[in-house]
Amino acid sequence: MVNLKLKELLEKKKISRYRLQLLTNLNYPRINQLYKNTAKNISFEELDILTTTLNCSISDLIEKKNSK
């Protein structure tokens, strides 16, 4: 299973979801999906926007967990 660590990154950087929306121009419902890990997919464009805005690498944003 692949998970986004967006919630942890935002908490670490003290950025709210609303602030992220303003910085990225992604809509709030989409940010909320990514934040809550309910999104079914993520585009390369979204990954680029998020990693650029949060000044992080893709590996900081995505983790793979072993599913049992």
N, C-alpha and C. Protein backbone atom coordinates (compact mmCIF):
# COMPACT_ATOMS: atom_id res chain seq x y z
N MET A 1 0.84 -1.18 0.00
CA MET A 1 0.00 0.00 0.00
C MET A 1 0.89 1.25 0.00
N VAL A 2 0.51 2.22 -0.78
CA VAL A 2 1.25 3.48 -0.86
C VAL A 2 0.45 4.55 -0.12
N ASN A 3 1.12 5.29 0.73
CA ASN A 3 0.50 6.37 1.49
C ASN A 3 1.21 7.68 1.25
N LEU A 4 0.44 8.76 1.28
CA LEU A 4 1.04 10.09 1.25
C LEU A 4 1.26 10.55 2.68
N LYS A 5 2.37 11.19 2.90
CA LYS A 5 2.69 11.72 4.22
C LYS A 5 2.44 13.22 4.27
N LEU A 6 1.41 13.67 3.55
CA LEU A 6 1.13 15.09 3.47
C LEU A 6 0.76 15.66 4.84
N LYS A 7 -0.04 14.94 5.59
CA LYS A 7 -0.44 15.42 6.92
C LYS A 7 0.79 15.67 7.79
N GLU A 8 1.71 14.72 7.82
CA GLU A 8 2.91 14.86 8.63
C GLU A 8 3.79 16.02 8.16
N LEU A 9 3.92 16.16 6.84
CA LEU A 9 4.73 17.25 6.29
C LEU A 9 4.13 18.61 6.63
N LEU A 10 2.82 18.74 6.50
CA LEU A 10 2.18 20.01 6.80
C LEU A 10 2.31 20.35 8.28
N GLU A 11 2.14 19.35 9.15
CA GLU A 11 2.30 19.60 10.58
C GLU A 11 3.73 20.01 10.90
N LYS A 12 4.69 19.34 10.30
CA LYS A 12 6.10 19.65 10.53
C LYS A 12 6.44 21.07 10.09
N LYS A 13 5.88 21.47 8.95
CA LYS A 13 6.18 22.79 8.40
C LYS A 13 5.21 23.87 8.88
N LYS A 14 4.24 23.45 9.70
CA LYS A 14 3.24 24.37 10.25
C LYS A 14 2.48 25.12 9.14
N ILE A 15 2.01 24.33 8.18
CA ILE A 15 1.22 24.86 7.07
C ILE A 15 -0.16 24.22 7.13
N SER A 16 -1.19 25.03 7.05
CA SER A 16 -2.56 24.51 7.06
C SER A 16 -2.94 24.05 5.65
N ARG A 17 -3.99 23.27 5.58
CA ARG A 17 -4.49 22.85 4.27
C ARG A 17 -4.96 24.05 3.46
N TYR A 18 -5.58 25.00 4.14
CA TYR A 18 -6.03 26.21 3.46
C TYR A 18 -4.85 26.99 2.89
N ARG A 19 -3.79 27.12 3.67
CA ARG A 19 -2.58 27.82 3.19
C ARG A 19 -1.97 27.07 2.00
N LEU A 20 -1.96 25.74 2.07
CA LEU A 20 -1.44 24.95 0.96
C LEU A 20 -2.27 25.18 -0.30
N GLN A 21 -3.56 25.30 -0.14
CA GLN A 21 -4.44 25.60 -1.28
C GLN A 21 -4.03 26.92 -1.91
N LEU A 22 -3.79 27.93 -1.11
CA LEU A 22 -3.40 29.24 -1.63
C LEU A 22 -2.04 29.19 -2.33
N LEU A 23 -1.13 28.41 -1.78
CA LEU A 23 0.22 28.32 -2.34
C LEU A 23 0.28 27.51 -3.64
N THR A 24 -0.60 26.53 -3.77
CA THR A 24 -0.52 25.60 -4.89
C THR A 24 -1.58 25.78 -5.96
N ASN A 25 -2.66 26.46 -5.64
CA ASN A 25 -3.82 26.58 -6.53
C ASN A 25 -4.51 25.24 -6.78
N LEU A 26 -4.23 24.24 -5.97
CA LEU A 26 -5.01 23.00 -6.01
C LEU A 26 -6.28 23.27 -5.22
N ASN A 27 -7.39 22.65 -5.62
CA ASN A 27 -8.62 22.94 -4.89
C ASN A 27 -8.62 22.23 -3.53
N TYR A 28 -9.37 22.81 -2.59
CA TYR A 28 -9.35 22.31 -1.22
C TYR A 28 -9.83 20.87 -1.12
N PRO A 29 -10.90 20.48 -1.80
CA PRO A 29 -11.31 19.07 -1.71
C PRO A 29 -10.21 18.09 -2.14
N ARG A 30 -9.44 18.47 -3.15
CA ARG A 30 -8.34 17.60 -3.60
C ARG A 30 -7.24 17.54 -2.54
N ILE A 31 -6.89 18.67 -1.97
CA ILE A 31 -5.89 18.70 -0.91
C ILE A 31 -6.36 17.86 0.26
N ASN A 32 -7.64 17.94 0.58
CA ASN A 32 -8.21 17.17 1.68
C ASN A 32 -8.12 15.67 1.40
N GLN A 33 -8.37 15.26 0.16
CA GLN A 33 -8.23 13.84 -0.22
C GLN A 33 -6.79 13.37 -0.01
N LEU A 34 -5.86 14.17 -0.46
CA LEU A 34 -4.44 13.81 -0.32
C LEU A 34 -4.03 13.80 1.15
N TYR A 35 -4.52 14.75 1.91
CA TYR A 35 -4.22 14.88 3.33
C TYR A 35 -4.73 13.66 4.12
N LYS A 36 -5.94 13.22 3.78
CA LYS A 36 -6.58 12.11 4.50
C LYS A 36 -6.28 10.75 3.88
N ASN A 37 -5.47 10.72 2.82
CA ASN A 37 -5.14 9.48 2.12
C ASN A 37 -6.36 8.75 1.58
N THR A 38 -7.32 9.52 1.10
CA THR A 38 -8.50 8.90 0.48
C THR A 38 -8.45 9.01 -1.04
N ALA A 39 -7.43 9.67 -1.58
CA ALA A 39 -7.29 9.81 -3.03
C ALA A 39 -6.94 8.46 -3.64
N LYS A 40 -7.50 8.18 -4.79
CA LYS A 40 -7.23 6.93 -5.51
C LYS A 40 -5.97 7.02 -6.34
N ASN A 41 -5.56 8.25 -6.69
CA ASN A 41 -4.36 8.45 -7.51
C ASN A 41 -3.82 9.85 -7.28
N ILE A 42 -2.64 10.10 -7.81
CA ILE A 42 -2.03 11.43 -7.79
C ILE A 42 -1.26 11.60 -9.09
N SER A 43 -1.38 12.77 -9.68
CA SER A 43 -0.72 13.01 -10.97
C SER A 43 0.72 13.47 -10.76
N PHE A 44 1.51 13.34 -11.82
CA PHE A 44 2.88 13.84 -11.78
C PHE A 44 2.88 15.35 -11.54
N GLU A 45 1.91 16.03 -12.13
CA GLU A 45 1.81 17.48 -11.95
C GLU A 45 1.56 17.83 -10.48
N GLU A 46 0.65 17.10 -9.84
CA GLU A 46 0.38 17.34 -8.42
C GLU A 46 1.61 17.04 -7.57
N LEU A 47 2.31 15.95 -7.89
CA LEU A 47 3.54 15.63 -7.15
C LEU A 47 4.56 16.75 -7.30
N ASP A 48 4.70 17.26 -8.52
CA ASP A 48 5.65 18.34 -8.77
C ASP A 48 5.26 19.59 -7.99
N ILE A 49 4.00 19.95 -8.03
CA ILE A 49 3.52 21.14 -7.32
C ILE A 49 3.77 21.00 -5.81
N LEU A 50 3.40 19.85 -5.25
CA LEU A 50 3.54 19.64 -3.81
C LEU A 50 5.00 19.61 -3.38
N THR A 51 5.84 18.89 -4.10
CA THR A 51 7.24 18.80 -3.69
C THR A 51 7.95 20.15 -3.86
N THR A 52 7.59 20.90 -4.87
CA THR A 52 8.17 22.23 -5.06
C THR A 52 7.72 23.19 -3.96
N THR A 53 6.43 23.20 -3.70
CA THR A 53 5.86 24.11 -2.69
C THR A 53 6.38 23.78 -1.30
N LEU A 54 6.46 22.48 -0.98
CA LEU A 54 6.89 22.07 0.35
C LEU A 54 8.40 21.89 0.46
N ASN A 55 9.09 22.11 -0.64
CA ASN A 55 10.54 21.99 -0.67
C ASN A 55 10.99 20.63 -0.11
N CYS A 56 10.46 19.58 -0.71
CA CYS A 56 10.77 18.23 -0.26
C CYS A 56 10.93 17.32 -1.46
N SER A 57 11.39 16.13 -1.22
CA SER A 57 11.52 15.14 -2.29
C SER A 57 10.27 14.27 -2.33
N ILE A 58 10.14 13.53 -3.41
CA ILE A 58 9.00 12.62 -3.53
C ILE A 58 9.04 11.58 -2.41
N SER A 59 10.22 11.14 -2.04
CA SER A 59 10.32 10.14 -0.97
C SER A 59 9.93 10.72 0.39
N ASP A 60 9.98 12.05 0.54
CA ASP A 60 9.48 12.67 1.77
C ASP A 60 7.96 12.68 1.80
N LEU A 61 7.36 12.62 0.63
CA LEU A 61 5.91 12.74 0.50
C LEU A 61 5.19 11.40 0.40
N ILE A 62 5.86 10.39 -0.14
CA ILE A 62 5.23 9.10 -0.38
C ILE A 62 5.97 8.00 0.37
N GLU A 63 5.20 7.09 0.95
CA GLU A 63 5.81 5.92 1.59
C GLU A 63 5.07 4.68 1.15
N LYS A 64 5.81 3.59 1.08
CA LYS A 64 5.20 2.30 0.75
C LYS A 64 5.18 1.46 2.01
N LYS A 65 3.98 1.01 2.36
CA LYS A 65 3.82 0.15 3.53
C LYS A 65 3.47 -1.26 3.04
N ASN A 66 4.03 -2.23 3.73
CA ASN A 66 3.72 -3.61 3.39
C ASN A 66 2.28 -3.91 3.81
N SER A 67 1.53 -4.46 2.89
CA SER A 67 0.16 -4.86 3.22
C SER A 67 0.18 -6.33 3.59
N LYS A 68 -0.60 -6.67 4.59
CA LYS A 68 -0.62 -8.06 5.09
C LYS A 68 -1.86 -8.76 4.66
